[in-house]
Structure formats: C-alpha cells, structure tokens
Amino acid sequence: MTQPTFGKKIKELRTTKGLTLDQLATETGSSKSYIWELENKDPPRPSAEKLAAIAVALGVTTDYLIGREEVTIADAQDKAFFREYSKMPDDTREKIRAMAKLLGGKKE
C-alpha cells in the first residue's frame, strides 16, 4: 500500500479537523493560496518554518507529513501530543495523568 503524498496528508488532516483552507492558513501564518499549493502541487516546497506550523496546527509531526516516519496517523498524533504535554506545567500534567487513569479504569 502506498503512503499518501504530502499534499494529500495535509488535505486529509485539514478536512478531518473540519478546517477550511482559510482557517489553516490563518493558524499557520500562511495565505490560502499557499496552503492550496501545498495540497495540490507536486512536489511542494514548504519552508521548515511553515512545515512546523502546519504540523502543529494539524496535530502531527513534521516527519509524518513529509513521509520520514513509517507510522500510522495515530502514532504521529500521539508524538505531537506528547511534545505539547511535555511543555505543560507540572500541575497540568498531573491532572492529565489522573484523567488518563480514570479513563483507563485504573485506580491509584
């Protein structure tokens, strides 16, 4: 099975999140036409800064977007979440851990 192209990944993630081209452009400091070009031109040529902003907005890693990782979308989302989690204050991380235990059915 072939992996989706860079542009297809962006479009699929954007539409799954319910974002328009305009909304993703705004979130990433880009223009609507730039996002459209990334989704539709082959091969796209995004800057590292724009690529990072798009990955953050879509909740995945840059490696996932450019195809360096042979992982599922869920794995890429988990890695992106963990990066955000790692930057959170200690008390927030403790709350998230407690919530995860409750959701997972584990008791302390």
N, C-alpha and C. Protein backbone atom coordinates (compact mmCIF):
# COMPACT_ATOMS: atom_id res chain seq x y z
N MET A 1 0.85 -1.18 0.00
CA MET A 1 0.00 0.00 0.00
C MET A 1 0.89 1.24 0.00
N THR A 2 0.65 2.16 -0.90
CA THR A 2 1.47 3.36 -0.97
C THR A 2 0.98 4.39 0.04
N GLN A 3 1.95 5.14 0.53
CA GLN A 3 1.65 6.17 1.51
C GLN A 3 1.12 7.41 0.78
N PRO A 4 0.14 8.10 1.39
CA PRO A 4 -0.37 9.31 0.75
C PRO A 4 0.74 10.35 0.57
N THR A 5 0.60 11.17 -0.44
CA THR A 5 1.58 12.23 -0.67
C THR A 5 1.46 13.30 0.41
N PHE A 6 2.47 14.15 0.47
CA PHE A 6 2.50 15.26 1.41
C PHE A 6 1.21 16.09 1.32
N GLY A 7 0.86 16.48 0.11
CA GLY A 7 -0.33 17.30 -0.09
C GLY A 7 -1.61 16.60 0.33
N LYS A 8 -1.72 15.31 0.00
CA LYS A 8 -2.91 14.55 0.39
C LYS A 8 -3.01 14.43 1.90
N LYS A 9 -1.87 14.25 2.57
CA LYS A 9 -1.88 14.17 4.04
C LYS A 9 -2.41 15.46 4.64
N ILE A 10 -1.90 16.59 4.15
CA ILE A 10 -2.36 17.88 4.68
C ILE A 10 -3.86 18.04 4.45
N LYS A 11 -4.30 17.76 3.24
CA LYS A 11 -5.73 17.94 2.94
C LYS A 11 -6.59 17.01 3.79
N GLU A 12 -6.20 15.74 3.91
CA GLU A 12 -6.98 14.79 4.71
C GLU A 12 -7.04 15.21 6.17
N LEU A 13 -5.91 15.61 6.73
CA LEU A 13 -5.88 16.05 8.12
C LEU A 13 -6.70 17.32 8.31
N ARG A 14 -6.56 18.25 7.38
CA ARG A 14 -7.30 19.52 7.47
C ARG A 14 -8.80 19.28 7.44
N THR A 15 -9.25 18.46 6.51
CA THR A 15 -10.69 18.21 6.40
C THR A 15 -11.21 17.38 7.57
N THR A 16 -10.40 16.45 8.06
CA THR A 16 -10.80 15.66 9.23
C THR A 16 -10.99 16.56 10.44
N LYS A 17 -10.15 17.57 10.58
CA LYS A 17 -10.26 18.51 11.69
C LYS A 17 -11.34 19.56 11.44
N GLY A 18 -11.94 19.52 10.26
CA GLY A 18 -13.00 20.48 9.93
C GLY A 18 -12.50 21.88 9.64
N LEU A 19 -11.26 21.98 9.18
CA LEU A 19 -10.67 23.29 8.88
C LEU A 19 -10.81 23.61 7.40
N THR A 20 -11.09 24.85 7.10
CA THR A 20 -11.07 25.32 5.72
C THR A 20 -9.64 25.70 5.36
N LEU A 21 -9.40 25.94 4.08
CA LEU A 21 -8.09 26.44 3.67
C LEU A 21 -7.77 27.74 4.40
N ASP A 22 -8.77 28.63 4.49
CA ASP A 22 -8.58 29.91 5.17
C ASP A 22 -8.20 29.73 6.64
N GLN A 23 -8.88 28.82 7.32
CA GLN A 23 -8.61 28.60 8.74
C GLN A 23 -7.20 28.05 8.97
N LEU A 24 -6.80 27.07 8.16
CA LEU A 24 -5.45 26.53 8.31
C LEU A 24 -4.41 27.59 7.97
N ALA A 25 -4.69 28.38 6.96
CA ALA A 25 -3.78 29.46 6.59
C ALA A 25 -3.61 30.44 7.75
N THR A 26 -4.70 30.82 8.37
CA THR A 26 -4.66 31.75 9.50
C THR A 26 -3.87 31.15 10.66
N GLU A 27 -4.14 29.88 10.99
CA GLU A 27 -3.45 29.22 12.10
C GLU A 27 -1.95 29.09 11.88
N THR A 28 -1.53 29.06 10.63
CA THR A 28 -0.12 28.84 10.33
C THR A 28 0.60 30.08 9.81
N GLY A 29 -0.10 31.20 9.78
CA GLY A 29 0.52 32.43 9.28
C GLY A 29 0.83 32.37 7.80
N SER A 30 -0.03 31.66 7.07
CA SER A 30 0.16 31.48 5.62
C SER A 30 -1.00 32.10 4.87
N SER A 31 -0.92 32.08 3.57
CA SER A 31 -2.04 32.51 2.75
C SER A 31 -2.84 31.29 2.31
N LYS A 32 -4.09 31.52 1.97
CA LYS A 32 -4.95 30.44 1.48
C LYS A 32 -4.34 29.81 0.23
N SER A 33 -3.80 30.63 -0.66
CA SER A 33 -3.23 30.10 -1.90
C SER A 33 -1.98 29.25 -1.63
N TYR A 34 -1.22 29.61 -0.60
CA TYR A 34 -0.03 28.82 -0.24
C TYR A 34 -0.44 27.43 0.25
N ILE A 35 -1.46 27.36 1.12
CA ILE A 35 -1.94 26.07 1.60
C ILE A 35 -2.49 25.25 0.43
N TRP A 36 -3.23 25.91 -0.46
CA TRP A 36 -3.77 25.20 -1.63
C TRP A 36 -2.62 24.63 -2.47
N GLU A 37 -1.58 25.41 -2.68
CA GLU A 37 -0.43 24.93 -3.45
C GLU A 37 0.21 23.72 -2.78
N LEU A 38 0.37 23.76 -1.47
CA LEU A 38 0.96 22.62 -0.76
C LEU A 38 0.11 21.36 -0.94
N GLU A 39 -1.20 21.53 -0.93
CA GLU A 39 -2.09 20.39 -1.07
C GLU A 39 -2.15 19.85 -2.50
N ASN A 40 -1.88 20.71 -3.48
CA ASN A 40 -2.14 20.32 -4.86
C ASN A 40 -0.94 20.28 -5.80
N LYS A 41 0.17 20.89 -5.44
CA LYS A 41 1.33 20.87 -6.34
C LYS A 41 2.22 19.70 -6.02
N ASP A 42 2.89 19.18 -7.03
CA ASP A 42 3.78 18.05 -6.83
C ASP A 42 5.12 18.34 -7.47
N PRO A 43 6.21 18.40 -6.79
CA PRO A 43 6.31 18.28 -5.33
C PRO A 43 6.19 19.65 -4.68
N PRO A 44 5.62 19.72 -3.48
CA PRO A 44 5.53 21.01 -2.77
C PRO A 44 6.90 21.39 -2.21
N ARG A 45 7.10 22.63 -1.95
CA ARG A 45 8.37 23.10 -1.41
C ARG A 45 8.14 24.01 -0.20
N PRO A 46 7.64 23.46 0.91
CA PRO A 46 7.39 24.32 2.07
C PRO A 46 8.69 24.65 2.81
N SER A 47 8.70 25.80 3.44
CA SER A 47 9.84 26.14 4.29
C SER A 47 9.72 25.32 5.57
N ALA A 48 10.83 25.17 6.27
CA ALA A 48 10.83 24.42 7.53
C ALA A 48 9.90 25.08 8.54
N GLU A 49 9.88 26.40 8.56
CA GLU A 49 9.02 27.14 9.50
C GLU A 49 7.54 26.87 9.21
N LYS A 50 7.17 26.93 7.95
CA LYS A 50 5.76 26.67 7.58
C LYS A 50 5.39 25.22 7.83
N LEU A 51 6.30 24.31 7.52
CA LEU A 51 6.05 22.89 7.74
C LEU A 51 5.79 22.62 9.23
N ALA A 52 6.60 23.23 10.09
CA ALA A 52 6.43 23.05 11.53
C ALA A 52 5.09 23.62 11.99
N ALA A 53 4.72 24.78 11.49
CA ALA A 53 3.45 25.41 11.87
C ALA A 53 2.26 24.56 11.43
N ILE A 54 2.35 24.00 10.23
CA ILE A 54 1.27 23.15 9.72
C ILE A 54 1.15 21.88 10.56
N ALA A 55 2.28 21.28 10.91
CA ALA A 55 2.25 20.07 11.73
C ALA A 55 1.60 20.34 13.07
N VAL A 56 1.95 21.46 13.70
CA VAL A 56 1.35 21.82 14.99
C VAL A 56 -0.15 22.03 14.83
N ALA A 57 -0.56 22.77 13.81
CA ALA A 57 -1.98 23.05 13.60
C ALA A 57 -2.78 21.77 13.34
N LEU A 58 -2.15 20.79 12.69
CA LEU A 58 -2.85 19.55 12.36
C LEU A 58 -2.63 18.46 13.40
N GLY A 59 -1.79 18.74 14.39
CA GLY A 59 -1.60 17.80 15.49
C GLY A 59 -0.80 16.55 15.15
N VAL A 60 0.18 16.71 14.26
CA VAL A 60 1.06 15.59 13.89
C VAL A 60 2.50 16.07 13.88
N THR A 61 3.41 15.18 13.54
CA THR A 61 4.82 15.56 13.45
C THR A 61 5.18 15.97 12.02
N THR A 62 6.25 16.75 11.89
CA THR A 62 6.71 17.13 10.56
C THR A 62 7.20 15.89 9.80
N ASP A 63 7.84 14.98 10.52
CA ASP A 63 8.32 13.76 9.87
C ASP A 63 7.16 12.97 9.26
N TYR A 64 6.03 12.94 9.94
CA TYR A 64 4.86 12.25 9.39
C TYR A 64 4.42 12.92 8.09
N LEU A 65 4.35 14.25 8.09
CA LEU A 65 3.88 14.96 6.90
C LEU A 65 4.78 14.72 5.69
N ILE A 66 6.09 14.70 5.91
CA ILE A 66 7.00 14.56 4.77
C ILE A 66 7.35 13.11 4.48
N GLY A 67 6.81 12.19 5.27
CA GLY A 67 6.99 10.78 4.97
C GLY A 67 8.24 10.15 5.50
N ARG A 68 8.88 10.78 6.47
CA ARG A 68 10.09 10.19 7.06
C ARG A 68 9.77 9.10 8.07
N GLU A 69 8.56 9.09 8.55
CA GLU A 69 8.15 8.10 9.53
C GLU A 69 7.19 7.11 8.89
N GLU A 70 7.47 5.85 9.06
CA GLU A 70 6.57 4.80 8.60
C GLU A 70 5.64 4.45 9.76
N VAL A 71 4.81 5.41 10.13
CA VAL A 71 3.92 5.23 11.27
C VAL A 71 2.49 5.58 10.87
N THR A 72 1.58 5.16 11.72
CA THR A 72 0.18 5.49 11.47
C THR A 72 -0.08 6.94 11.88
N ILE A 73 -1.20 7.46 11.45
CA ILE A 73 -1.59 8.81 11.85
C ILE A 73 -1.75 8.87 13.37
N ALA A 74 -2.26 7.82 13.98
CA ALA A 74 -2.43 7.80 15.43
C ALA A 74 -1.09 7.93 16.15
N ASP A 75 -0.06 7.25 15.64
CA ASP A 75 1.27 7.36 16.24
C ASP A 75 1.81 8.79 16.12
N ALA A 76 1.61 9.40 14.98
CA ALA A 76 2.08 10.77 14.76
C ALA A 76 1.34 11.74 15.68
N GLN A 77 0.03 11.52 15.86
CA GLN A 77 -0.75 12.38 16.75
C GLN A 77 -0.30 12.20 18.19
N ASP A 78 0.00 10.97 18.59
CA ASP A 78 0.48 10.72 19.95
C ASP A 78 1.81 11.42 20.20
N LYS A 79 2.71 11.37 19.24
CA LYS A 79 4.00 12.05 19.39
C LYS A 79 3.82 13.55 19.50
N ALA A 80 2.93 14.11 18.67
CA ALA A 80 2.68 15.55 18.72
C ALA A 80 2.04 15.93 20.06
N PHE A 81 1.12 15.10 20.56
CA PHE A 81 0.50 15.35 21.86
C PHE A 81 1.55 15.32 22.96
N PHE A 82 2.44 14.34 22.93
CA PHE A 82 3.44 14.22 23.98
C PHE A 82 4.37 15.44 23.99
N ARG A 83 4.68 15.97 22.84
CA ARG A 83 5.53 17.17 22.79
C ARG A 83 4.82 18.33 23.48
N GLU A 84 3.53 18.50 23.22
CA GLU A 84 2.76 19.55 23.87
C GLU A 84 2.66 19.28 25.37
N TYR A 85 2.37 18.04 25.73
CA TYR A 85 2.26 17.63 27.12
C TYR A 85 3.55 17.94 27.89
N SER A 86 4.68 17.68 27.27
CA SER A 86 5.97 17.90 27.92
C SER A 86 6.22 19.36 28.26
N LYS A 87 5.58 20.26 27.54
CA LYS A 87 5.75 21.70 27.76
C LYS A 87 4.79 22.25 28.81
N MET A 88 3.83 21.44 29.25
CA MET A 88 2.82 21.91 30.20
C MET A 88 3.39 22.01 31.61
N PRO A 89 2.77 22.87 32.45
CA PRO A 89 3.20 22.96 33.85
C PRO A 89 2.98 21.63 34.57
N ASP A 90 3.75 21.41 35.63
CA ASP A 90 3.67 20.15 36.38
C ASP A 90 2.26 19.83 36.85
N ASP A 91 1.54 20.83 37.37
CA ASP A 91 0.20 20.57 37.89
C ASP A 91 -0.77 20.15 36.78
N THR A 92 -0.61 20.71 35.61
CA THR A 92 -1.46 20.33 34.48
C THR A 92 -1.16 18.90 34.05
N ARG A 93 0.12 18.55 33.98
CA ARG A 93 0.49 17.18 33.60
C ARG A 93 -0.05 16.18 34.62
N GLU A 94 -0.02 16.53 35.90
CA GLU A 94 -0.55 15.64 36.94
C GLU A 94 -2.05 15.42 36.75
N LYS A 95 -2.78 16.48 36.42
CA LYS A 95 -4.22 16.36 36.17
C LYS A 95 -4.49 15.45 34.97
N ILE A 96 -3.70 15.60 33.93
CA ILE A 96 -3.88 14.77 32.73
C ILE A 96 -3.59 13.30 33.05
N ARG A 97 -2.55 13.06 33.83
CA ARG A 97 -2.25 11.67 34.23
C ARG A 97 -3.38 11.08 35.04
N ALA A 98 -3.96 11.87 35.96
CA ALA A 98 -5.08 11.39 36.77
C ALA A 98 -6.30 11.10 35.89
N MET A 99 -6.55 11.95 34.91
CA MET A 99 -7.67 11.74 33.99
C MET A 99 -7.45 10.47 33.16
N ALA A 100 -6.22 10.27 32.73
CA ALA A 100 -5.91 9.08 31.93
C ALA A 100 -6.16 7.81 32.75
N LYS A 101 -5.79 7.84 34.02
CA LYS A 101 -6.03 6.68 34.89
C LYS A 101 -7.52 6.42 35.04
N LEU A 102 -8.30 7.50 35.21
CA LEU A 102 -9.75 7.34 35.34
C LEU A 102 -10.35 6.78 34.04
N LEU A 103 -9.95 7.33 32.94
CA LEU A 103 -10.48 6.89 31.64
C LEU A 103 -10.05 5.46 31.32
N GLY A 104 -8.87 5.09 31.78
CA GLY A 104 -8.36 3.75 31.52
C GLY A 104 -8.88 2.72 32.52
N GLY A 105 -9.61 3.19 33.53
CA GLY A 105 -10.17 2.27 34.52
C GLY A 105 -9.18 1.81 35.57
N LYS A 106 -8.04 2.47 35.67
CA LYS A 106 -7.03 2.08 36.66
C LYS A 106 -7.18 2.95 37.89
N LYS A 107 -6.99 2.35 39.03
CA LYS A 107 -7.04 3.09 40.30
C LYS A 107 -5.63 3.32 40.78
N GLU A 108 -5.47 4.43 41.50
CA GLU A 108 -4.14 4.76 42.02
C GLU A 108 -3.70 3.83 43.11
